[in-house]
Amino acid sequence: MGNVEKIEQDVQALSPEELAQFRAWFLEYDWAAWDRQLERDVQAGKLDQLADRALRDHTAGKTKPL
């Protein structure tokens, strides 16, 4: 049995309270991982073109207030 299958079984065996606790922990863990990836992408310049385009569109009046 692989790690993922073992984790799946362990999660399925959790009580409702434990599942809620695990879910909250995993959401925080997942968002933190996403934040780290976003920081790496920003540092690497991977979002520069998107930011430049958004600024050009805004300057050109192509955006609307929310």
N, C-alpha and C. Protein backbone atom coordinates (compact mmCIF):
# COMPACT_ATOMS: atom_id res chain seq x y z
N MET A 1 0.86 -1.19 0.00
CA MET A 1 0.00 0.00 0.00
C MET A 1 0.89 1.24 0.00
N GLY A 2 0.56 2.18 -0.86
CA GLY A 2 1.33 3.41 -0.94
C GLY A 2 0.92 4.41 0.12
N ASN A 3 1.68 5.47 0.21
CA ASN A 3 1.41 6.51 1.21
C ASN A 3 0.03 7.13 1.06
N VAL A 4 -0.36 7.43 -0.18
CA VAL A 4 -1.65 8.08 -0.41
C VAL A 4 -2.78 7.17 0.04
N GLU A 5 -2.69 5.90 -0.32
CA GLU A 5 -3.74 4.96 0.08
C GLU A 5 -3.83 4.86 1.60
N LYS A 6 -2.69 4.83 2.28
CA LYS A 6 -2.67 4.77 3.75
C LYS A 6 -3.31 6.03 4.34
N ILE A 7 -2.98 7.18 3.79
CA ILE A 7 -3.56 8.44 4.27
C ILE A 7 -5.07 8.43 4.05
N GLU A 8 -5.51 7.97 2.88
CA GLU A 8 -6.94 7.89 2.60
C GLU A 8 -7.65 7.03 3.64
N GLN A 9 -7.09 5.88 3.95
CA GLN A 9 -7.69 5.01 4.96
C GLN A 9 -7.73 5.68 6.32
N ASP A 10 -6.63 6.32 6.68
CA ASP A 10 -6.57 7.00 7.98
C ASP A 10 -7.60 8.12 8.07
N VAL A 11 -7.77 8.86 7.00
CA VAL A 11 -8.74 9.96 6.99
C VAL A 11 -10.15 9.40 7.10
N GLN A 12 -10.42 8.34 6.39
CA GLN A 12 -11.75 7.74 6.45
C GLN A 12 -12.09 7.21 7.84
N ALA A 13 -11.07 6.89 8.62
CA ALA A 13 -11.29 6.34 9.97
C ALA A 13 -11.47 7.44 11.03
N LEU A 14 -11.29 8.69 10.65
CA LEU A 14 -11.42 9.78 11.63
C LEU A 14 -12.87 9.97 12.06
N SER A 15 -13.02 10.39 13.31
CA SER A 15 -14.34 10.76 13.80
C SER A 15 -14.73 12.09 13.14
N PRO A 16 -16.00 12.47 13.19
CA PRO A 16 -16.38 13.77 12.61
C PRO A 16 -15.59 14.94 13.21
N GLU A 17 -15.33 14.89 14.50
CA GLU A 17 -14.57 15.97 15.14
C GLU A 17 -13.13 15.98 14.66
N GLU A 18 -12.55 14.79 14.57
CA GLU A 18 -11.17 14.69 14.07
C GLU A 18 -11.09 15.11 12.61
N LEU A 19 -12.09 14.75 11.83
CA LEU A 19 -12.10 15.14 10.42
C LEU A 19 -12.18 16.66 10.29
N ALA A 20 -12.99 17.30 11.10
CA ALA A 20 -13.08 18.76 11.07
C ALA A 20 -11.74 19.38 11.44
N GLN A 21 -11.08 18.82 12.45
CA GLN A 21 -9.77 19.33 12.87
C GLN A 21 -8.74 19.13 11.76
N PHE A 22 -8.75 17.95 11.13
CA PHE A 22 -7.83 17.67 10.04
C PHE A 22 -8.09 18.60 8.86
N ARG A 23 -9.37 18.79 8.53
CA ARG A 23 -9.74 19.66 7.41
C ARG A 23 -9.21 21.07 7.63
N ALA A 24 -9.39 21.60 8.84
CA ALA A 24 -8.91 22.96 9.16
C ALA A 24 -7.39 23.02 9.03
N TRP A 25 -6.71 21.99 9.56
CA TRP A 25 -5.25 21.97 9.46
C TRP A 25 -4.82 21.91 8.00
N PHE A 26 -5.48 21.04 7.20
CA PHE A 26 -5.06 20.87 5.82
C PHE A 26 -5.30 22.13 5.00
N LEU A 27 -6.41 22.82 5.25
CA LEU A 27 -6.66 24.07 4.53
C LEU A 27 -5.55 25.08 4.79
N GLU A 28 -5.14 25.21 6.05
CA GLU A 28 -4.04 26.12 6.39
C GLU A 28 -2.75 25.67 5.71
N TYR A 29 -2.47 24.39 5.76
CA TYR A 29 -1.27 23.83 5.14
C TYR A 29 -1.27 24.08 3.63
N ASP A 30 -2.40 23.82 2.99
CA ASP A 30 -2.51 23.99 1.55
C ASP A 30 -2.36 25.45 1.14
N TRP A 31 -3.01 26.36 1.86
CA TRP A 31 -2.88 27.78 1.55
C TRP A 31 -1.45 28.27 1.75
N ALA A 32 -0.78 27.78 2.79
CA ALA A 32 0.61 28.17 3.02
C ALA A 32 1.50 27.69 1.87
N ALA A 33 1.25 26.47 1.40
CA ALA A 33 2.02 25.95 0.26
C ALA A 33 1.76 26.80 -0.99
N TRP A 34 0.49 27.18 -1.20
CA TRP A 34 0.14 28.02 -2.34
C TRP A 34 0.83 29.38 -2.23
N ASP A 35 0.84 29.95 -1.02
CA ASP A 35 1.51 31.23 -0.81
C ASP A 35 3.00 31.14 -1.13
N ARG A 36 3.64 30.05 -0.68
CA ARG A 36 5.07 29.89 -0.97
C ARG A 36 5.31 29.79 -2.47
N GLN A 37 4.46 29.05 -3.18
CA GLN A 37 4.62 28.92 -4.63
C GLN A 37 4.41 30.27 -5.31
N LEU A 38 3.42 31.02 -4.87
CA LEU A 38 3.17 32.34 -5.44
C LEU A 38 4.37 33.25 -5.22
N GLU A 39 4.95 33.22 -4.01
CA GLU A 39 6.15 34.03 -3.75
C GLU A 39 7.28 33.65 -4.68
N ARG A 40 7.49 32.34 -4.90
CA ARG A 40 8.56 31.91 -5.81
C ARG A 40 8.28 32.40 -7.22
N ASP A 41 7.02 32.31 -7.66
CA ASP A 41 6.67 32.76 -9.01
C ASP A 41 6.87 34.27 -9.16
N VAL A 42 6.52 35.03 -8.14
CA VAL A 42 6.72 36.49 -8.19
C VAL A 42 8.21 36.80 -8.25
N GLN A 43 9.00 36.15 -7.39
CA GLN A 43 10.44 36.38 -7.39
C GLN A 43 11.08 36.01 -8.73
N ALA A 44 10.55 34.99 -9.38
CA ALA A 44 11.10 34.55 -10.67
C ALA A 44 10.59 35.39 -11.83
N GLY A 45 9.68 36.32 -11.55
CA GLY A 45 9.17 37.19 -12.61
C GLY A 45 8.09 36.56 -13.46
N LYS A 46 7.53 35.44 -13.01
CA LYS A 46 6.54 34.74 -13.82
C LYS A 46 5.22 35.50 -13.95
N LEU A 47 4.99 36.48 -13.08
CA LEU A 47 3.73 37.22 -13.12
C LEU A 47 3.91 38.63 -13.68
N ASP A 48 5.11 38.97 -14.06
CA ASP A 48 5.39 40.32 -14.53
C ASP A 48 4.55 40.70 -15.75
N GLN A 49 4.42 39.79 -16.70
CA GLN A 49 3.63 40.11 -17.90
C GLN A 49 2.17 40.36 -17.55
N LEU A 50 1.63 39.55 -16.64
CA LEU A 50 0.24 39.76 -16.23
C LEU A 50 0.05 41.10 -15.54
N ALA A 51 0.99 41.44 -14.66
CA ALA A 51 0.90 42.72 -13.95
C ALA A 51 1.02 43.89 -14.93
N ASP A 52 1.96 43.80 -15.85
CA ASP A 52 2.13 44.86 -16.85
C ASP A 52 0.86 45.04 -17.68
N ARG A 53 0.27 43.94 -18.10
CA ARG A 53 -0.95 44.02 -18.90
C ARG A 53 -2.10 44.64 -18.09
N ALA A 54 -2.22 44.24 -16.84
CA ALA A 54 -3.29 44.79 -15.99
C ALA A 54 -3.10 46.29 -15.81
N LEU A 55 -1.87 46.72 -15.60
CA LEU A 55 -1.62 48.16 -15.44
C LEU A 55 -1.90 48.91 -16.74
N ARG A 56 -1.51 48.35 -17.88
CA ARG A 56 -1.80 48.98 -19.17
C ARG A 56 -3.31 49.09 -19.40
N ASP A 57 -4.03 48.02 -19.11
CA ASP A 57 -5.48 48.03 -19.28
C ASP A 57 -6.13 49.06 -18.36
N HIS A 58 -5.65 49.16 -17.15
CA HIS A 58 -6.21 50.13 -16.22
C HIS A 58 -5.94 51.56 -16.69
N THR A 59 -4.71 51.81 -17.11
CA THR A 59 -4.34 53.13 -17.61
C THR A 59 -5.16 53.50 -18.84
N ALA A 60 -5.48 52.50 -19.66
CA ALA A 60 -6.25 52.73 -20.88
C ALA A 60 -7.76 52.83 -20.60
N GLY A 61 -8.15 52.73 -19.33
CA GLY A 61 -9.55 52.85 -18.98
C GLY A 61 -10.36 51.59 -19.25
N LYS A 62 -9.71 50.47 -19.35
CA LYS A 62 -10.41 49.22 -19.66
C LYS A 62 -10.87 48.45 -18.41
N THR A 63 -10.74 49.06 -17.25
CA THR A 63 -11.16 48.40 -16.03
C THR A 63 -12.36 49.12 -15.44
N LYS A 64 -13.08 48.41 -14.59
CA LYS A 64 -14.27 48.98 -13.95
C LYS A 64 -14.14 48.82 -12.44
N PRO A 65 -14.65 49.80 -11.68
CA PRO A 65 -14.63 49.66 -10.23
C PRO A 65 -15.59 48.54 -9.82
N LEU A 66 -15.29 47.93 -8.70
CA LEU A 66 -16.18 46.85 -8.21
C LEU A 66 -17.42 47.40 -7.57
